Amino acid sequence: MPEDSIEQINFEQINKTAISQPLVSHMYTADPSAHVFNGKIYIYPSHDIDAGIPFNDNGDHFGMEDYHVFSMESITSDTVDNGVALHVDDVAWAEKQMWAPDAAHKNGKYYLYFPAKRANGIFQIGVAVSDSPAGPFTAEKEAIKGSYSIDPAVFEDQDGAHYIYFGGIWGGQLQKYRNNQYAENNEEPTEKEQALGPIAARLTDDMLEFAEEPREIQILDENRELLLAGDNDRRFFEASWVHKYNGKYYFSYSTGDTHFICYAIGDSPYGPFVYQGRILNPVVGWTTHHSICRVENDWYLFYHDSSLSKGVTHLRSMKVAKIDYLADGSIAVIDPYDREG
């Protein structure tokens, strides 16, 4: 929800009509990446703090310094804070801004993927390893070679291959890259040009590096034409996520400045993905970021809003809502505040 509308919001009414309440209230959490490991739900969010930095389009006010891992025995149980899993001071290559992470599991090891800025102000993506899904995690000494931008999300396919998706424009710096190369004079395409797509790569068997050159993912419209940069209601901005449902690959993402979570469907983890519609309408706060996780026989959307902080964009709270699939495989749109007050 745009910043200029915050003063008009009745937050008491918003909390009454919200379809879900914050999973934790003792700290601010955002960008929740949820997984079921060993029959238990684990959530890997970013940890919002008030860094005292003014709001700007580069997101400098998102000054997160560490990660906590949260766990739930079931979708209705209490949410347990397992403490600090990784702090920026323990990442040799990183200086600041530990933004949205994700996690994966392979052969008894757990891997935390996270973006952070180096001392030169450029984002890269790192990986940290643990014997436990709750951490603590030990970071590799260097960032993943060839990585850049933000919002890593890891998808495990049925054959055991793992794919990492990443990228975000504006503060996420994706607009500065073309063909995986950074140039300071690169900018976001004009409205009539093709929109920037998210980036994907298969991971190596040890989960620590890219197994191939990262590639740009195509998101197509109903005529199978690439979405344009001026199509702000549908084009990719940040927050990649991939899940598989009935044999199809669902790529979901945030549209950023228009505040929707949308999705597209494809036949391969590399796409192309054809736009299908929205999953989540705008929430309180500027950002919207999510994950989709199957818990037993149902699917859930983990997301955040800023209602607990009364609209402070960089102080968010993670939530969860059930997803409903229609017979044709489409997803029913979720309105985060449609419950009767």
C-alpha atoms as a PDB file:
ATOM      1  CA  MET A   1       0.000   0.000   0.000  1.00  0.00           C
ATOM      2  CA  PRO A   2       1.520   3.386  -0.975  1.00  0.00           C
ATOM      3  CA  GLU A   3       3.173   5.447   1.753  1.00  0.00           C
ATOM      4  CA  ASP A   4       0.940   8.471   1.120  1.00  0.00           C
ATOM      5  CA  SER A   5      -2.173   6.550   2.163  1.00  0.00           C
ATOM      6  CA  ILE A   6      -0.917   5.498   5.608  1.00  0.00           C
ATOM      7  CA  GLU A   7      -2.408   8.446   7.501  1.00  0.00           C
ATOM      8  CA  GLN A   8      -5.888   7.516   6.277  1.00  0.00           C
ATOM      9  CA  ILE A   9      -5.788   3.960   7.617  1.00  0.00           C
ATOM     10  CA  ASN A  10      -7.711   2.870  10.713  1.00  0.00           C
ATOM     11  CA  PHE A  11      -5.288   0.246  11.995  1.00  0.00           C
ATOM     12  CA  GLU A  12      -7.670  -1.042  14.650  1.00  0.00           C
ATOM     13  CA  GLN A  13     -10.167  -1.814  11.900  1.00  0.00           C
ATOM     14  CA  ILE A  14      -7.445  -3.272   9.666  1.00  0.00           C
ATOM     15  CA  ASN A  15      -6.429  -5.703  12.415  1.00  0.00           C
ATOM     16  CA  LYS A  16     -10.064  -6.713  12.922  1.00  0.00           C
ATOM     17  CA  THR A  17     -10.651  -7.422   9.258  1.00  0.00           C
ATOM     18  CA  ALA A  18      -7.252  -8.987   8.471  1.00  0.00           C
ATOM     19  CA  ILE A  19      -7.531 -12.610   7.392  1.00  0.00           C
ATOM     20  CA  SER A  20      -4.529 -13.467   9.578  1.00  0.00           C
ATOM     21  CA  GLN A  21      -2.561 -12.012  12.459  1.00  0.00           C
ATOM     22  CA  PRO A  22       1.239 -11.759  12.825  1.00  0.00           C
ATOM     23  CA  LEU A  23       2.926 -15.080  13.530  1.00  0.00           C
ATOM     24  CA  VAL A  24       5.212 -13.328  16.026  1.00  0.00           C
ATOM     25  CA  SER A  25       4.902  -9.959  17.735  1.00  0.00           C
ATOM     26  CA  HIS A  26       8.068  -9.715  19.853  1.00  0.00           C
ATOM     27  CA  MET A  27      10.116  -8.592  16.840  1.00  0.00           C
ATOM     28  CA  TYR A  28       9.540  -7.493  13.271  1.00  0.00           C
ATOM     29  CA  THR A  29       9.910 -10.116  10.551  1.00  0.00           C
ATOM     30  CA  ALA A  30       9.451  -9.925   6.784  1.00  0.00           C
ATOM     31  CA  ASP A  31       9.938 -11.819   3.523  1.00  0.00           C
ATOM     32  CA  PRO A  32       9.100 -15.226   5.057  1.00  0.00           C
ATOM     33  CA  SER A  33      10.449 -18.252   3.177  1.00  0.00           C
ATOM     34  CA  ALA A  34       8.676 -21.334   4.512  1.00  0.00           C
ATOM     35  CA  HIS A  35       9.603 -25.009   4.163  1.00  0.00           C
ATOM     36  CA  VAL A  36       8.632 -28.296   5.745  1.00  0.00           C
ATOM     37  CA  PHE A  37      11.708 -30.151   6.962  1.00  0.00           C
ATOM     38  CA  ASN A  38      11.371 -33.411   8.909  1.00  0.00           C
ATOM     39  CA  GLY A  39       7.636 -32.922   9.268  1.00  0.00           C
ATOM     40  CA  LYS A  40       7.990 -29.489  10.860  1.00  0.00           C
ATOM     41  CA  ILE A  41       7.445 -25.991   9.423  1.00  0.00           C
ATOM     42  CA  TYR A  42      10.508 -23.747   9.348  1.00  0.00           C
ATOM     43  CA  ILE A  43      10.302 -20.091   8.349  1.00  0.00           C
ATOM     44  CA  TYR A  44      13.302 -18.054   7.225  1.00  0.00           C
ATOM     45  CA  PRO A  45      12.408 -14.336   7.265  1.00  0.00           C
ATOM     46  CA  SER A  46      14.439 -11.183   7.284  1.00  0.00           C
ATOM     47  CA  HIS A  47      14.644  -9.389  10.644  1.00  0.00           C
ATOM     48  CA  ASP A  48      13.427  -5.810  10.428  1.00  0.00           C
ATOM     49  CA  ILE A  49      14.975  -3.180  12.684  1.00  0.00           C
ATOM     50  CA  ASP A  50      14.746   0.599  12.833  1.00  0.00           C
ATOM     51  CA  ALA A  51      18.165   1.637  11.569  1.00  0.00           C
ATOM     52  CA  GLY A  52      17.291   5.339  11.694  1.00  0.00           C
ATOM     53  CA  ILE A  53      17.743   5.795   7.942  1.00  0.00           C
ATOM     54  CA  PRO A  54      15.220   7.913   5.972  1.00  0.00           C
ATOM     55  CA  PHE A  55      12.947   6.200   3.436  1.00  0.00           C
ATOM     56  CA  ASN A  56      14.199   6.186  -0.163  1.00  0.00           C
ATOM     57  CA  ASP A  57      13.688   4.228  -3.386  1.00  0.00           C
ATOM     58  CA  ASN A  58      16.988   2.373  -2.905  1.00  0.00           C
ATOM     59  CA  GLY A  59      15.690   0.764   0.291  1.00  0.00           C
ATOM     60  CA  ASP A  60      18.534   2.056   2.466  1.00  0.00           C
ATOM     61  CA  HIS A  61      16.092   2.155   5.401  1.00  0.00           C
ATOM     62  CA  PHE A  62      15.955  -1.656   5.306  1.00  0.00           C
ATOM     63  CA  GLY A  63      19.037  -2.030   7.503  1.00  0.00           C
ATOM     64  CA  MET A  64      18.649  -5.643   8.665  1.00  0.00           C
ATOM     65  CA  GLU A  65      21.662  -7.196  10.409  1.00  0.00           C
ATOM     66  CA  ASP A  66      20.834 -10.834  11.164  1.00  0.00           C
ATOM     67  CA  TYR A  67      18.465 -13.766  10.634  1.00  0.00           C
ATOM     68  CA  HIS A  68      16.303 -15.703  13.077  1.00  0.00           C
ATOM     69  CA  VAL A  69      14.751 -19.052  12.121  1.00  0.00           C
ATOM     70  CA  PHE A  70      11.213 -19.753  13.306  1.00  0.00           C
ATOM     71  CA  SER A  71       9.503 -23.119  13.608  1.00  0.00           C
ATOM     72  CA  MET A  72       5.942 -24.414  13.950  1.00  0.00           C
ATOM     73  CA  GLU A  73       4.785 -27.918  14.821  1.00  0.00           C
ATOM     74  CA  SER A  74       1.667 -27.363  12.705  1.00  0.00           C
ATOM     75  CA  ILE A  75       0.041 -24.549  10.761  1.00  0.00           C
ATOM     76  CA  THR A  76      -2.045 -23.601  13.817  1.00  0.00           C
ATOM     77  CA  SER A  77       0.592 -24.021  16.531  1.00  0.00           C
ATOM     78  CA  ASP A  78       2.635 -21.340  18.259  1.00  0.00           C
ATOM     79  CA  THR A  79       5.609 -19.967  16.373  1.00  0.00           C
ATOM     80  CA  VAL A  80       8.957 -20.582  18.088  1.00  0.00           C
ATOM     81  CA  ASP A  81      11.912 -18.224  17.716  1.00  0.00           C
ATOM     82  CA  ASN A  82      15.065 -20.332  17.542  1.00  0.00           C
ATOM     83  CA  GLY A  83      17.350 -17.354  18.045  1.00  0.00           C
ATOM     84  CA  VAL A  84      20.004 -15.754  15.867  1.00  0.00           C
ATOM     85  CA  ALA A  85      20.938 -18.093  13.041  1.00  0.00           C
ATOM     86  CA  LEU A  86      23.423 -15.814  11.269  1.00  0.00           C
ATOM     87  CA  HIS A  87      24.689 -12.259  11.865  1.00  0.00           C
ATOM     88  CA  VAL A  88      26.307  -9.979   9.310  1.00  0.00           C
ATOM     89  CA  ASP A  89      29.383  -9.696  11.559  1.00  0.00           C
ATOM     90  CA  ASP A  90      29.986 -13.405  10.947  1.00  0.00           C
ATOM     91  CA  VAL A  91      29.991 -13.055   7.156  1.00  0.00           C
ATOM     92  CA  ALA A  92      33.509 -12.158   6.035  1.00  0.00           C
ATOM     93  CA  TRP A  93      32.537 -10.610   2.700  1.00  0.00           C
ATOM     94  CA  ALA A  94      29.391  -8.730   3.791  1.00  0.00           C
ATOM     95  CA  GLU A  95      29.062  -5.251   5.308  1.00  0.00           C
ATOM     96  CA  LYS A  96      25.312  -4.605   5.740  1.00  0.00           C
ATOM     97  CA  GLN A  97      21.685  -5.111   4.675  1.00  0.00           C
ATOM     98  CA  MET A  98      20.894  -8.777   5.194  1.00  0.00           C
ATOM     99  CA  TRP A  99      17.751  -8.793   3.046  1.00  0.00           C
ATOM    100  CA  ALA A 100      15.287 -11.578   2.177  1.00  0.00           C
ATOM    101  CA  PRO A 101      16.781 -15.112   2.528  1.00  0.00           C
ATOM    102  CA  ASP A 102      15.744 -18.653   1.669  1.00  0.00           C
ATOM    103  CA  ALA A 103      16.825 -22.138   2.740  1.00  0.00           C
ATOM    104  CA  ALA A 104      17.232 -25.616   1.288  1.00  0.00           C
ATOM    105  CA  HIS A 105      18.085 -29.125   2.438  1.00  0.00           C
ATOM    106  CA  LYS A 106      20.244 -31.840   0.920  1.00  0.00           C
ATOM    107  CA  ASN A 107      21.906 -34.949   2.338  1.00  0.00           C
ATOM    108  CA  GLY A 108      21.429 -33.985   5.969  1.00  0.00           C
ATOM    109  CA  LYS A 109      22.756 -30.436   5.548  1.00  0.00           C
ATOM    110  CA  TYR A 110      20.779 -27.196   5.547  1.00  0.00           C
ATOM    111  CA  TYR A 111      21.712 -24.224   3.432  1.00  0.00           C
ATOM    112  CA  LEU A 112      20.768 -20.593   4.052  1.00  0.00           C
ATOM    113  CA  TYR A 113      20.970 -18.333   0.995  1.00  0.00           C
ATOM    114  CA  PHE A 114      21.040 -14.607   1.638  1.00  0.00           C
ATOM    115  CA  PRO A 115      21.844 -11.279  -0.053  1.00  0.00           C
ATOM    116  CA  ALA A 116      24.023  -8.617   1.510  1.00  0.00           C
ATOM    117  CA  LYS A 117      25.996  -5.594   0.422  1.00  0.00           C
ATOM    118  CA  ARG A 118      29.735  -5.672   0.177  1.00  0.00           C
ATOM    119  CA  ALA A 119      31.796  -2.690   1.347  1.00  0.00           C
ATOM    120  CA  ASN A 120      31.593  -1.306  -2.217  1.00  0.00           C
ATOM    121  CA  GLY A 121      27.800  -1.073  -1.967  1.00  0.00           C
ATOM    122  CA  ILE A 122      27.098  -3.924  -4.398  1.00  0.00           C
ATOM    123  CA  PHE A 123      24.774  -6.765  -3.458  1.00  0.00           C
ATOM    124  CA  GLN A 124      25.863 -10.378  -3.779  1.00  0.00           C
ATOM    125  CA  ILE A 125      24.357 -13.634  -2.582  1.00  0.00           C
ATOM    126  CA  GLY A 126      26.003 -15.827   0.015  1.00  0.00           C
ATOM    127  CA  VAL A 127      25.370 -19.253   1.451  1.00  0.00           C
ATOM    128  CA  ALA A 128      25.745 -20.576   4.980  1.00  0.00           C
ATOM    129  CA  VAL A 129      25.573 -24.198   6.156  1.00  0.00           C
ATOM    130  CA  SER A 130      24.212 -25.971   9.230  1.00  0.00           C
ATOM    131  CA  ASP A 131      23.466 -29.464  10.492  1.00  0.00           C
ATOM    132  CA  SER A 132      20.107 -28.189  11.770  1.00  0.00           C
ATOM    133  CA  PRO A 133      17.255 -26.434   9.933  1.00  0.00           C
ATOM    134  CA  ALA A 134      17.108 -23.978  12.852  1.00  0.00           C
ATOM    135  CA  GLY A 135      20.802 -23.105  12.622  1.00  0.00           C
ATOM    136  CA  PRO A 136      23.073 -21.588  13.650  1.00  0.00           C
ATOM    137  CA  PHE A 137      24.594 -21.342  10.174  1.00  0.00           C
ATOM    138  CA  THR A 138      28.244 -20.911   9.221  1.00  0.00           C
ATOM    139  CA  ALA A 139      28.771 -18.694   6.190  1.00  0.00           C
ATOM    140  CA  GLU A 140      31.129 -19.548   3.372  1.00  0.00           C
ATOM    141  CA  LYS A 141      34.118 -17.202   3.263  1.00  0.00           C
ATOM    142  CA  GLU A 142      33.100 -15.707  -0.063  1.00  0.00           C
ATOM    143  CA  ALA A 143      29.846 -14.917  -1.846  1.00  0.00           C
ATOM    144  CA  ILE A 144      28.639 -17.276  -4.554  1.00  0.00           C
ATOM    145  CA  LYS A 145      30.789 -16.643  -7.615  1.00  0.00           C
ATOM    146  CA  GLY A 146      28.829 -14.826 -10.310  1.00  0.00           C
ATOM    147  CA  SER A 147      25.957 -13.934  -7.986  1.00  0.00           C
ATOM    148  CA  TYR A 148      24.361 -10.504  -7.807  1.00  0.00           C
ATOM    149  CA  SER A 149      21.228  -8.606  -6.787  1.00  0.00           C
ATOM    150  CA  ILE A 150      18.805  -9.833  -4.096  1.00  0.00           C
ATOM    151  CA  ASP A 151      16.000 -12.185  -3.042  1.00  0.00           C
ATOM    152  CA  PRO A 152      17.436 -15.674  -3.555  1.00  0.00           C
ATOM    153  CA  ALA A 153      14.829 -18.446  -3.654  1.00  0.00           C
ATOM    154  CA  VAL A 154      15.728 -22.130  -4.054  1.00  0.00           C
ATOM    155  CA  PHE A 155      13.464 -24.720  -5.664  1.00  0.00           C
ATOM    156  CA  GLU A 156      14.078 -28.475  -5.433  1.00  0.00           C
ATOM    157  CA  ASP A 157      12.658 -30.377  -8.402  1.00  0.00           C
ATOM    158  CA  GLN A 158      11.448 -33.954  -8.242  1.00  0.00           C
ATOM    159  CA  ASP A 159      14.707 -35.263  -9.708  1.00  0.00           C
ATOM    160  CA  GLY A 160      16.676 -33.738  -6.824  1.00  0.00           C
ATOM    161  CA  ALA A 161      18.119 -30.840  -8.825  1.00  0.00           C
ATOM    162  CA  HIS A 162      18.111 -27.471  -7.068  1.00  0.00           C
ATOM    163  CA  TYR A 163      17.574 -24.160  -8.847  1.00  0.00           C
ATOM    164  CA  ILE A 164      18.176 -20.698  -7.414  1.00  0.00           C
ATOM    165  CA  TYR A 165      16.190 -17.660  -8.554  1.00  0.00           C
ATOM    166  CA  PHE A 166      17.154 -14.091  -7.712  1.00  0.00           C
ATOM    167  CA  GLY A 167      16.899 -10.436  -8.691  1.00  0.00           C
ATOM    168  CA  GLY A 168      15.164  -7.211  -7.776  1.00  0.00           C
ATOM    169  CA  ILE A 169      15.097  -3.818  -9.449  1.00  0.00           C
ATOM    170  CA  TRP A 170      15.634  -0.359  -7.918  1.00  0.00           C
ATOM    171  CA  GLY A 171      17.430  -0.983  -4.588  1.00  0.00           C
ATOM    172  CA  GLY A 172      18.015  -4.579  -5.618  1.00  0.00           C
ATOM    173  CA  GLN A 173      20.314  -3.339  -8.427  1.00  0.00           C
ATOM    174  CA  LEU A 174      19.082  -5.768 -11.110  1.00  0.00           C
ATOM    175  CA  GLN A 175      18.685  -2.853 -13.543  1.00  0.00           C
ATOM    176  CA  LYS A 176      22.458  -2.381 -13.459  1.00  0.00           C
ATOM    177  CA  TYR A 177      23.078  -5.806 -15.059  1.00  0.00           C
ATOM    178  CA  ARG A 178      22.852  -7.081 -18.620  1.00  0.00           C
ATOM    179  CA  ASN A 179      23.969 -10.628 -19.443  1.00  0.00           C
ATOM    180  CA  ASN A 180      25.294 -10.974 -15.871  1.00  0.00           C
ATOM    181  CA  GLN A 181      27.611  -7.980 -16.258  1.00  0.00           C
ATOM    182  CA  TYR A 182      27.388  -4.839 -14.096  1.00  0.00           C
ATOM    183  CA  ALA A 183      27.574  -1.350 -15.585  1.00  0.00           C
ATOM    184  CA  GLU A 184      26.817   1.763 -13.547  1.00  0.00           C
ATOM    185  CA  ASN A 185      25.155   3.521 -16.502  1.00  0.00           C
ATOM    186  CA  ASN A 186      22.633   0.710 -17.044  1.00  0.00           C
ATOM    187  CA  GLU A 187      19.093   1.645 -15.982  1.00  0.00           C
ATOM    188  CA  GLU A 188      15.618   0.103 -15.925  1.00  0.00           C
ATOM    189  CA  PRO A 189      14.208  -0.231 -19.470  1.00  0.00           C
ATOM    190  CA  THR A 190      11.766   2.393 -20.731  1.00  0.00           C
ATOM    191  CA  GLU A 191       8.033   1.682 -20.677  1.00  0.00           C
ATOM    192  CA  LYS A 192       7.900   0.362 -24.262  1.00  0.00           C
ATOM    193  CA  GLU A 193      10.929  -1.887 -23.846  1.00  0.00           C
ATOM    194  CA  GLN A 194      10.891  -5.450 -22.576  1.00  0.00           C
ATOM    195  CA  ALA A 195      10.804  -5.731 -18.794  1.00  0.00           C
ATOM    196  CA  LEU A 196      13.768  -7.128 -16.934  1.00  0.00           C
ATOM    197  CA  GLY A 197      13.273 -10.736 -15.926  1.00  0.00           C
ATOM    198  CA  PRO A 198      14.424 -12.610 -12.831  1.00  0.00           C
ATOM    199  CA  ILE A 199      17.634 -14.637 -13.003  1.00  0.00           C
ATOM    200  CA  ALA A 200      17.972 -18.392 -12.469  1.00  0.00           C
ATOM    201  CA  ALA A 201      20.725 -20.984 -12.282  1.00  0.00           C
ATOM    202  CA  ARG A 202      21.016 -24.623 -11.296  1.00  0.00           C
ATOM    203  CA  LEU A 203      23.118 -25.180  -8.185  1.00  0.00           C
ATOM    204  CA  THR A 204      26.119 -27.496  -7.960  1.00  0.00           C
ATOM    205  CA  ASP A 205      25.781 -30.838  -6.186  1.00  0.00           C
ATOM    206  CA  ASP A 206      27.379 -29.377  -3.052  1.00  0.00           C
ATOM    207  CA  MET A 207      24.813 -26.508  -3.092  1.00  0.00           C
ATOM    208  CA  LEU A 208      27.553 -23.883  -2.742  1.00  0.00           C
ATOM    209  CA  GLU A 209      27.947 -22.501  -6.281  1.00  0.00           C
ATOM    210  CA  PHE A 210      26.185 -22.045  -9.602  1.00  0.00           C
ATOM    211  CA  ALA A 211      26.511 -25.088 -11.850  1.00  0.00           C
ATOM    212  CA  GLU A 212      25.959 -22.963 -14.951  1.00  0.00           C
ATOM    213  CA  GLU A 213      25.888 -19.424 -16.255  1.00  0.00           C
ATOM    214  CA  PRO A 214      22.836 -17.653 -14.793  1.00  0.00           C
ATOM    215  CA  ARG A 215      20.075 -16.995 -17.304  1.00  0.00           C
ATOM    216  CA  GLU A 216      17.232 -14.487 -17.508  1.00  0.00           C
ATOM    217  CA  ILE A 217      13.759 -15.955 -17.095  1.00  0.00           C
ATOM    218  CA  GLN A 218      11.009 -14.890 -19.489  1.00  0.00           C
ATOM    219  CA  ILE A 219       7.547 -13.906 -18.255  1.00  0.00           C
ATOM    220  CA  LEU A 220       5.042 -13.760 -21.125  1.00  0.00           C
ATOM    221  CA  ASP A 221       1.598 -12.238 -21.517  1.00  0.00           C
ATOM    222  CA  GLU A 222      -1.531 -14.039 -22.779  1.00  0.00           C
ATOM    223  CA  ASN A 223      -0.236 -13.676 -26.368  1.00  0.00           C
ATOM    224  CA  ARG A 224       3.117 -15.185 -25.349  1.00  0.00           C
ATOM    225  CA  GLU A 225       4.822 -11.837 -25.794  1.00  0.00           C
ATOM    226  CA  LEU A 226       7.356 -10.641 -23.230  1.00  0.00           C
ATOM    227  CA  LEU A 227       5.901  -8.295 -20.629  1.00  0.00           C
ATOM    228  CA  LEU A 228       6.920  -4.665 -21.075  1.00  0.00           C
ATOM    229  CA  ALA A 229       8.639  -2.542 -18.450  1.00  0.00           C
ATOM    230  CA  GLY A 230       5.661  -0.164 -18.400  1.00  0.00           C
ATOM    231  CA  ASP A 231       3.260  -2.971 -17.488  1.00  0.00           C
ATOM    232  CA  ASN A 232       3.684  -2.228 -13.783  1.00  0.00           C
ATOM    233  CA  ASP A 233       0.695  -4.324 -12.707  1.00  0.00           C
ATOM    234  CA  ARG A 234       2.249  -7.503 -14.126  1.00  0.00           C
ATOM    235  CA  ARG A 235       5.986  -7.117 -14.695  1.00  0.00           C
ATOM    236  CA  PHE A 236       8.569  -8.643 -12.346  1.00  0.00           C
ATOM    237  CA  PHE A 237      10.030  -6.379  -9.666  1.00  0.00           C
ATOM    238  CA  GLU A 238      11.428  -8.711  -6.961  1.00  0.00           C
ATOM    239  CA  ALA A 239      10.612 -11.643  -4.633  1.00  0.00           C
ATOM    240  CA  SER A 240      10.944 -14.712  -6.868  1.00  0.00           C
ATOM    241  CA  TRP A 241       9.408 -17.979  -5.718  1.00  0.00           C
ATOM    242  CA  VAL A 242       8.862 -21.295  -7.532  1.00  0.00           C
ATOM    243  CA  HIS A 243       6.685 -24.223  -6.539  1.00  0.00           C
ATOM    244  CA  LYS A 244       5.244 -27.151  -8.459  1.00  0.00           C
ATOM    245  CA  TYR A 245       1.559 -28.061  -8.587  1.00  0.00           C
ATOM    246  CA  ASN A 246       0.006 -30.833 -10.707  1.00  0.00           C
ATOM    247  CA  GLY A 247       3.141 -31.111 -12.822  1.00  0.00           C
ATOM    248  CA  LYS A 248       3.341 -27.401 -13.645  1.00  0.00           C
ATOM    249  CA  TYR A 249       5.928 -24.884 -12.451  1.00  0.00           C
ATOM    250  CA  TYR A 250       4.456 -21.815 -10.785  1.00  0.00           C
ATOM    251  CA  PHE A 251       6.671 -18.745 -10.732  1.00  0.00           C
ATOM    252  CA  SER A 252       5.361 -16.092  -8.327  1.00  0.00           C
ATOM    253  CA  TYR A 253       6.756 -12.649  -7.624  1.00  0.00           C
ATOM    254  CA  SER A 254       6.112  -9.083  -6.474  1.00  0.00           C
ATOM    255  CA  THR A 255       5.281  -6.220  -8.831  1.00  0.00           C
ATOM    256  CA  GLY A 256       6.919  -3.758  -6.424  1.00  0.00           C
ATOM    257  CA  ASP A 257       5.513  -0.281  -6.940  1.00  0.00           C
ATOM    258  CA  THR A 258       2.010  -1.621  -7.677  1.00  0.00           C
ATOM    259  CA  HIS A 259       2.123  -3.934  -4.652  1.00  0.00           C
ATOM    260  CA  PHE A 260       0.728  -7.194  -6.081  1.00  0.00           C
ATOM    261  CA  ILE A 261       1.909 -10.778  -5.708  1.00  0.00           C
ATOM    262  CA  CYS A 262       1.386 -12.328  -9.145  1.00  0.00           C
ATOM    263  CA  TYR A 263       2.120 -15.673 -10.747  1.00  0.00           C
ATOM    264  CA  ALA A 264       2.927 -17.254 -14.082  1.00  0.00           C
ATOM    265  CA  ILE A 265       2.988 -20.927 -15.124  1.00  0.00           C
ATOM    266  CA  GLY A 266       5.483 -22.905 -17.206  1.00  0.00           C
ATOM    267  CA  ASP A 267       6.566 -26.416 -18.148  1.00  0.00           C
ATOM    268  CA  SER A 268      10.196 -26.080 -17.034  1.00  0.00           C
ATOM    269  CA  PRO A 269      12.016 -24.603 -14.033  1.00  0.00           C
ATOM    270  CA  TYR A 270      13.599 -22.230 -16.563  1.00  0.00           C
ATOM    271  CA  GLY A 271      10.258 -21.153 -18.017  1.00  0.00           C
ATOM    272  CA  PRO A 272       9.134 -19.413 -20.067  1.00  0.00           C
ATOM    273  CA  PHE A 273       6.288 -18.624 -17.679  1.00  0.00           C
ATOM    274  CA  VAL A 274       2.939 -17.330 -18.926  1.00  0.00           C
ATOM    275  CA  TYR A 275       1.249 -14.740 -16.723  1.00  0.00           C
ATOM    276  CA  GLN A 276      -1.905 -16.013 -15.013  1.00  0.00           C
ATOM    277  CA  GLY A 277      -3.005 -13.388 -12.504  1.00  0.00           C
ATOM    278  CA  ARG A 278      -2.693 -12.207  -8.926  1.00  0.00           C
ATOM    279  CA  ILE A 279      -2.338 -14.233  -5.754  1.00  0.00           C
ATOM    280  CA  LEU A 280      -2.329 -11.431  -3.164  1.00  0.00           C
ATOM    281  CA  ASN A 281      -3.796  -7.947  -3.251  1.00  0.00           C
ATOM    282  CA  PRO A 282      -1.813  -5.051  -1.694  1.00  0.00           C
ATOM    283  CA  VAL A 283      -0.984  -5.126   2.000  1.00  0.00           C
ATOM    284  CA  VAL A 284      -0.349  -2.298   4.451  1.00  0.00           C
ATOM    285  CA  GLY A 285       3.198  -1.080   3.830  1.00  0.00           C
ATOM    286  CA  TRP A 286       5.121  -0.488   0.616  1.00  0.00           C
ATOM    287  CA  THR A 287       6.668  -3.920   0.133  1.00  0.00           C
ATOM    288  CA  THR A 288       5.068  -7.275  -0.496  1.00  0.00           C
ATOM    289  CA  HIS A 289       7.054 -10.525  -0.422  1.00  0.00           C
ATOM    290  CA  HIS A 290       5.980 -14.130   0.030  1.00  0.00           C
ATOM    291  CA  SER A 291       6.598 -17.844  -0.191  1.00  0.00           C
ATOM    292  CA  ILE A 292       4.296 -20.771  -0.993  1.00  0.00           C
ATOM    293  CA  CYS A 293       4.585 -23.987   0.989  1.00  0.00           C
ATOM    294  CA  ARG A 294       2.668 -27.247   1.096  1.00  0.00           C
ATOM    295  CA  VAL A 295       1.831 -28.394   4.628  1.00  0.00           C
ATOM    296  CA  GLU A 296       0.330 -31.887   4.659  1.00  0.00           C
ATOM    297  CA  ASN A 297      -2.471 -31.737   2.053  1.00  0.00           C
ATOM    298  CA  ASP A 298      -2.927 -27.973   1.864  1.00  0.00           C
ATOM    299  CA  TRP A 299      -0.981 -25.074   0.404  1.00  0.00           C
ATOM    300  CA  TYR A 300      -0.230 -21.845   2.234  1.00  0.00           C
ATOM    301  CA  LEU A 301       0.931 -18.361   1.360  1.00  0.00           C
ATOM    302  CA  PHE A 302       3.410 -16.890   3.828  1.00  0.00           C
ATOM    303  CA  TYR A 303       3.598 -13.108   3.481  1.00  0.00           C
ATOM    304  CA  HIS A 304       3.989  -9.922   5.528  1.00  0.00           C
ATOM    305  CA  ASP A 305       2.406  -6.556   6.163  1.00  0.00           C
ATOM    306  CA  SER A 306       3.099  -3.476   8.296  1.00  0.00           C
ATOM    307  CA  SER A 307      -0.140  -3.337  10.273  1.00  0.00           C
ATOM    308  CA  LEU A 308       1.522  -4.226  13.603  1.00  0.00           C
ATOM    309  CA  SER A 309       3.864  -1.226  13.260  1.00  0.00           C
ATOM    310  CA  LYS A 310       0.942   0.962  12.128  1.00  0.00           C
ATOM    311  CA  GLY A 311       2.220   1.296   8.608  1.00  0.00           C
ATOM    312  CA  VAL A 312       5.970   1.677   9.061  1.00  0.00           C
ATOM    313  CA  THR A 313       7.196   0.174   5.800  1.00  0.00           C
ATOM    314  CA  HIS A 314      10.475  -1.211   7.136  1.00  0.00           C
ATOM    315  CA  LEU A 315       8.909  -2.732  10.287  1.00  0.00           C
ATOM    316  CA  ARG A 316       6.892  -5.670   9.009  1.00  0.00           C
ATOM    317  CA  SER A 317       5.296  -8.812  10.411  1.00  0.00           C
ATOM    318  CA  MET A 318       5.028 -12.216   8.773  1.00  0.00           C
ATOM    319  CA  LYS A 319       1.621 -13.862   8.338  1.00  0.00           C
ATOM    320  CA  VAL A 320       0.130 -16.951   6.694  1.00  0.00           C
ATOM    321  CA  ALA A 321      -3.056 -17.638   4.713  1.00  0.00           C
ATOM    322  CA  LYS A 322      -4.416 -20.739   2.995  1.00  0.00           C
ATOM    323  CA  ILE A 323      -4.249 -20.900  -0.797  1.00  0.00           C
ATOM    324  CA  ASP A 324      -7.206 -22.174  -2.801  1.00  0.00           C
ATOM    325  CA  TYR A 325      -6.592 -23.739  -6.209  1.00  0.00           C
ATOM    326  CA  LEU A 326      -9.425 -23.802  -8.712  1.00  0.00           C
ATOM    327  CA  ALA A 327     -10.169 -26.820 -10.922  1.00  0.00           C
ATOM    328  CA  ASP A 328      -8.161 -25.392 -13.827  1.00  0.00           C
ATOM    329  CA  GLY A 329      -5.043 -24.965 -11.660  1.00  0.00           C
ATOM    330  CA  SER A 330      -5.463 -21.217 -11.195  1.00  0.00           C
ATOM    331  CA  ILE A 331      -5.133 -19.647  -7.768  1.00  0.00           C
ATOM    332  CA  ALA A 332      -7.974 -17.729  -6.118  1.00  0.00           C
ATOM    333  CA  VAL A 333      -6.978 -14.140  -5.371  1.00  0.00           C
ATOM    334  CA  ILE A 334      -6.425 -13.445  -1.665  1.00  0.00           C
ATOM    335  CA  ASP A 335      -7.599 -10.165  -0.192  1.00  0.00           C
ATOM    336  CA  PRO A 336      -5.570  -9.733   3.023  1.00  0.00           C
ATOM    337  CA  TYR A 337      -8.303  -7.669   4.720  1.00  0.00           C
ATOM    338  CA  ASP A 338     -11.603  -9.193   3.601  1.00  0.00           C
ATOM    339  CA  ARG A 339     -12.833 -10.687   6.856  1.00  0.00           C
ATOM    340  CA  GLU A 340     -15.862  -9.027   8.427  1.00  0.00           C
ATOM    341  CA  GLY A 341     -14.867  -6.805  11.343  1.00  0.00           C
END
